[in-house]
Amino acid sequence: MTVGEIAGLIVAVAFVILVVFIIRVLLQLSKTLEKVDQTVAKTNTTIDVVTNDVDLLARQVEGLLVKSNELLLDINGKVETIDPLFTAIADLSESVSELNTSSKSIATKVGSIGKTTAKVTVMGKVGGTALKLFKNKKR
């Protein structure tokens, strides 16, 4: 074998090793791409499910908002209906408070009149008794 043949043989072996290496890399790349493809398929399925769920949730939230608005309108109508009742209760409370104040004032005046009356009554009885004693002494 000549040097040229040995060099050619080395190049041929190197070429075979390179081809084997490239084949292995391509096989691994193929497996990776299959996994990526499966992952993309699963991702697409998940996105479809999530989209459907979000659409369903959006419709349910919209229905809930409609019902909440109807309930709020109903409550506002009922509050307007009972609002005069609370106004009347407030007026009644104010009147009772004024009546209470007037009653206290009258009670205070009656109490002072009662004390004065009691004093006058006692003085009258003392004076009456004194008058009787004076008349009895004159006789």
C-alpha atoms as a PDB file:
ATOM      1  CA  MET A   1       0.000   0.000   0.000  1.00  0.00           C
ATOM      2  CA  THR A   2       1.163   3.307  -0.870  1.00  0.00           C
ATOM      3  CA  VAL A   3       0.965   6.471   1.102  1.00  0.00           C
ATOM      4  CA  GLY A   4      -1.812   7.761  -1.155  1.00  0.00           C
ATOM      5  CA  GLU A   5      -3.852   4.611  -0.611  1.00  0.00           C
ATOM      6  CA  ILE A   6      -3.384   4.860   3.170  1.00  0.00           C
ATOM      7  CA  ALA A   7      -4.430   8.503   3.069  1.00  0.00           C
ATOM      8  CA  GLY A   8      -7.477   7.578   0.980  1.00  0.00           C
ATOM      9  CA  LEU A   9      -8.333   4.789   3.439  1.00  0.00           C
ATOM     10  CA  ILE A  10      -8.071   7.230   6.381  1.00  0.00           C
ATOM     11  CA  VAL A  11     -10.329   9.702   4.568  1.00  0.00           C
ATOM     12  CA  ALA A  12     -12.834   6.921   3.787  1.00  0.00           C
ATOM     13  CA  VAL A  13     -12.913   5.778   7.444  1.00  0.00           C
ATOM     14  CA  ALA A  14     -13.271   9.368   8.621  1.00  0.00           C
ATOM     15  CA  PHE A  15     -16.108   9.854   6.132  1.00  0.00           C
ATOM     16  CA  VAL A  16     -17.877   6.709   7.397  1.00  0.00           C
ATOM     17  CA  ILE A  17     -17.498   7.897  11.027  1.00  0.00           C
ATOM     18  CA  LEU A  18     -18.865  11.313  10.023  1.00  0.00           C
ATOM     19  CA  VAL A  19     -21.840   9.717   8.261  1.00  0.00           C
ATOM     20  CA  VAL A  20     -22.577   7.486  11.295  1.00  0.00           C
ATOM     21  CA  PHE A  21     -22.360  10.525  13.601  1.00  0.00           C
ATOM     22  CA  ILE A  22     -24.669  12.545  11.329  1.00  0.00           C
ATOM     23  CA  ILE A  23     -27.154   9.637  11.212  1.00  0.00           C
ATOM     24  CA  ARG A  24     -27.212   9.424  15.017  1.00  0.00           C
ATOM     25  CA  VAL A  25     -27.729  13.186  15.312  1.00  0.00           C
ATOM     26  CA  LEU A  26     -30.515  13.079  12.748  1.00  0.00           C
ATOM     27  CA  LEU A  27     -32.245  10.186  14.586  1.00  0.00           C
ATOM     28  CA  GLN A  28     -32.085  12.086  17.887  1.00  0.00           C
ATOM     29  CA  LEU A  29     -33.358  15.216  16.151  1.00  0.00           C
ATOM     30  CA  SER A  30     -36.218  13.191  14.683  1.00  0.00           C
ATOM     31  CA  LYS A  31     -37.186  11.873  18.142  1.00  0.00           C
ATOM     32  CA  THR A  32     -37.011  15.386  19.572  1.00  0.00           C
ATOM     33  CA  LEU A  33     -39.202  16.734  16.791  1.00  0.00           C
ATOM     34  CA  GLU A  34     -41.745  13.954  17.429  1.00  0.00           C
ATOM     35  CA  LYS A  35     -41.843  14.927  21.119  1.00  0.00           C
ATOM     36  CA  VAL A  36     -42.205  18.579  20.169  1.00  0.00           C
ATOM     37  CA  ASP A  37     -45.002  17.653  17.777  1.00  0.00           C
ATOM     38  CA  GLN A  38     -46.781  15.691  20.524  1.00  0.00           C
ATOM     39  CA  THR A  39     -46.305  18.591  22.923  1.00  0.00           C
ATOM     40  CA  VAL A  40     -47.697  21.024  20.364  1.00  0.00           C
ATOM     41  CA  ALA A  41     -50.713  18.742  19.838  1.00  0.00           C
ATOM     42  CA  LYS A  42     -51.308  18.556  23.600  1.00  0.00           C
ATOM     43  CA  THR A  43     -50.866  22.311  23.873  1.00  0.00           C
ATOM     44  CA  ASN A  44     -53.392  22.898  21.108  1.00  0.00           C
ATOM     45  CA  THR A  45     -55.851  20.549  22.830  1.00  0.00           C
ATOM     46  CA  THR A  46     -55.317  22.349  26.129  1.00  0.00           C
ATOM     47  CA  ILE A  47     -55.801  25.739  24.474  1.00  0.00           C
ATOM     48  CA  ASP A  48     -59.060  24.508  22.894  1.00  0.00           C
ATOM     49  CA  VAL A  49     -60.336  23.233  26.253  1.00  0.00           C
ATOM     50  CA  VAL A  50     -59.335  26.440  28.043  1.00  0.00           C
ATOM     51  CA  THR A  51     -60.958  28.555  25.324  1.00  0.00           C
ATOM     52  CA  ASN A  52     -64.210  26.600  25.649  1.00  0.00           C
ATOM     53  CA  ASP A  53     -64.110  26.872  29.434  1.00  0.00           C
ATOM     54  CA  VAL A  54     -63.422  30.616  29.294  1.00  0.00           C
ATOM     55  CA  ASP A  55     -66.316  31.098  26.867  1.00  0.00           C
ATOM     56  CA  LEU A  56     -68.636  29.144  29.175  1.00  0.00           C
ATOM     57  CA  LEU A  57     -67.393  31.108  32.181  1.00  0.00           C
ATOM     58  CA  ALA A  58     -67.883  34.414  30.357  1.00  0.00           C
ATOM     59  CA  ARG A  59     -71.501  33.495  29.529  1.00  0.00           C
ATOM     60  CA  GLN A  60     -72.164  32.470  33.135  1.00  0.00           C
ATOM     61  CA  VAL A  61     -70.611  35.693  34.471  1.00  0.00           C
ATOM     62  CA  GLU A  62     -72.737  37.702  32.046  1.00  0.00           C
ATOM     63  CA  GLY A  63     -75.869  35.917  33.276  1.00  0.00           C
ATOM     64  CA  LEU A  64     -74.826  36.531  36.871  1.00  0.00           C
ATOM     65  CA  LEU A  65     -74.314  40.234  36.177  1.00  0.00           C
ATOM     66  CA  VAL A  66     -77.749  40.478  34.561  1.00  0.00           C
ATOM     67  CA  LYS A  67     -79.359  38.798  37.578  1.00  0.00           C
ATOM     68  CA  SER A  68     -77.372  41.037  39.954  1.00  0.00           C
ATOM     69  CA  ASN A  69     -78.561  44.142  38.119  1.00  0.00           C
ATOM     70  CA  GLU A  70     -82.179  42.937  38.283  1.00  0.00           C
ATOM     71  CA  LEU A  71     -81.805  42.223  42.000  1.00  0.00           C
ATOM     72  CA  LEU A  72     -80.275  45.657  42.593  1.00  0.00           C
ATOM     73  CA  LEU A  73     -83.140  47.350  40.743  1.00  0.00           C
ATOM     74  CA  ASP A  74     -85.650  45.358  42.825  1.00  0.00           C
ATOM     75  CA  ILE A  75     -83.895  46.308  46.072  1.00  0.00           C
ATOM     76  CA  ASN A  76     -83.771  49.982  45.050  1.00  0.00           C
ATOM     77  CA  GLY A  77     -87.512  49.895  44.323  1.00  0.00           C
ATOM     78  CA  LYS A  78     -88.242  48.344  47.705  1.00  0.00           C
ATOM     79  CA  VAL A  79     -86.012  50.859  49.478  1.00  0.00           C
ATOM     80  CA  GLU A  80     -87.937  53.683  47.778  1.00  0.00           C
ATOM     81  CA  THR A  81     -91.159  52.047  48.990  1.00  0.00           C
ATOM     82  CA  ILE A  82     -90.083  51.875  52.639  1.00  0.00           C
ATOM     83  CA  ASP A  83     -88.242  55.203  52.669  1.00  0.00           C
ATOM     84  CA  PRO A  84     -91.379  57.138  53.780  1.00  0.00           C
ATOM     85  CA  LEU A  85     -91.725  54.677  56.670  1.00  0.00           C
ATOM     86  CA  PHE A  86     -88.257  55.568  57.939  1.00  0.00           C
ATOM     87  CA  THR A  87     -89.047  59.261  57.502  1.00  0.00           C
ATOM     88  CA  ALA A  88     -92.236  58.822  59.533  1.00  0.00           C
ATOM     89  CA  ILE A  89     -90.346  56.898  62.225  1.00  0.00           C
ATOM     90  CA  ALA A  90     -87.760  59.695  62.406  1.00  0.00           C
ATOM     91  CA  ASP A  91     -90.548  62.302  62.718  1.00  0.00           C
ATOM     92  CA  LEU A  92     -92.269  60.211  65.398  1.00  0.00           C
ATOM     93  CA  SER A  93     -89.001  59.853  67.292  1.00  0.00           C
ATOM     94  CA  GLU A  94     -88.514  63.617  67.171  1.00  0.00           C
ATOM     95  CA  SER A  95     -92.074  64.184  68.408  1.00  0.00           C
ATOM     96  CA  VAL A  96     -91.589  61.712  71.264  1.00  0.00           C
ATOM     97  CA  SER A  97     -88.360  63.466  72.189  1.00  0.00           C
ATOM     98  CA  GLU A  98     -90.129  66.837  72.224  1.00  0.00           C
ATOM     99  CA  LEU A  99     -92.983  65.335  74.289  1.00  0.00           C
ATOM    100  CA  ASN A 100     -90.443  63.926  76.728  1.00  0.00           C
ATOM    101  CA  THR A 101     -88.762  67.322  77.063  1.00  0.00           C
ATOM    102  CA  SER A 102     -92.145  69.009  77.600  1.00  0.00           C
ATOM    103  CA  SER A 103     -93.124  66.379  80.177  1.00  0.00           C
ATOM    104  CA  LYS A 104     -89.910  66.958  82.104  1.00  0.00           C
ATOM    105  CA  SER A 105     -90.531  70.684  82.035  1.00  0.00           C
ATOM    106  CA  ILE A 106     -94.120  70.264  83.280  1.00  0.00           C
ATOM    107  CA  ALA A 107     -92.993  67.791  85.942  1.00  0.00           C
ATOM    108  CA  THR A 108     -90.397  70.281  87.138  1.00  0.00           C
ATOM    109  CA  LYS A 109     -92.981  73.066  87.269  1.00  0.00           C
ATOM    110  CA  VAL A 110     -95.542  70.829  88.986  1.00  0.00           C
ATOM    111  CA  GLY A 111     -92.900  69.695  91.437  1.00  0.00           C
ATOM    112  CA  SER A 112     -92.065  73.247  92.373  1.00  0.00           C
ATOM    113  CA  ILE A 113     -95.786  74.137  92.525  1.00  0.00           C
ATOM    114  CA  GLY A 114     -96.400  71.051  94.643  1.00  0.00           C
ATOM    115  CA  LYS A 115     -93.682  72.116  97.078  1.00  0.00           C
ATOM    116  CA  THR A 116     -95.106  75.625  97.233  1.00  0.00           C
ATOM    117  CA  THR A 117     -98.618  74.229  97.674  1.00  0.00           C
ATOM    118  CA  ALA A 118     -97.421  71.932 100.436  1.00  0.00           C
ATOM    119  CA  LYS A 119     -95.769  74.867 102.206  1.00  0.00           C
ATOM    120  CA  VAL A 120     -98.905  76.978 101.850  1.00  0.00           C
ATOM    121  CA  THR A 121    -101.050  74.109 103.087  1.00  0.00           C
ATOM    122  CA  VAL A 122     -98.858  73.597 106.146  1.00  0.00           C
ATOM    123  CA  MET A 123     -98.830  77.341 106.825  1.00  0.00           C
ATOM    124  CA  GLY A 124    -102.608  77.425 106.411  1.00  0.00           C
ATOM    125  CA  LYS A 125    -103.111  74.620 108.914  1.00  0.00           C
ATOM    126  CA  VAL A 126    -100.715  76.216 111.368  1.00  0.00           C
ATOM    127  CA  GLY A 127    -102.516  79.533 110.892  1.00  0.00           C
ATOM    128  CA  GLY A 128    -105.931  77.832 111.254  1.00  0.00           C
ATOM    129  CA  THR A 129    -104.861  76.110 114.440  1.00  0.00           C
ATOM    130  CA  ALA A 130    -103.455  79.340 115.788  1.00  0.00           C
ATOM    131  CA  LEU A 131    -106.718  81.125 114.933  1.00  0.00           C
ATOM    132  CA  LYS A 132    -108.756  78.472 116.757  1.00  0.00           C
ATOM    133  CA  LEU A 133    -106.520  78.759 119.794  1.00  0.00           C
ATOM    134  CA  PHE A 134    -106.859  82.540 119.708  1.00  0.00           C
ATOM    135  CA  LYS A 135    -110.683  82.312 119.486  1.00  0.00           C
ATOM    136  CA  ASN A 136    -110.784  79.822 122.320  1.00  0.00           C
ATOM    137  CA  LYS A 137    -108.720  82.153 124.464  1.00  0.00           C
ATOM    138  CA  LYS A 138    -111.069  85.060 123.765  1.00  0.00           C
ATOM    139  CA  ARG A 139    -114.073  83.089 124.937  1.00  0.00           C
END
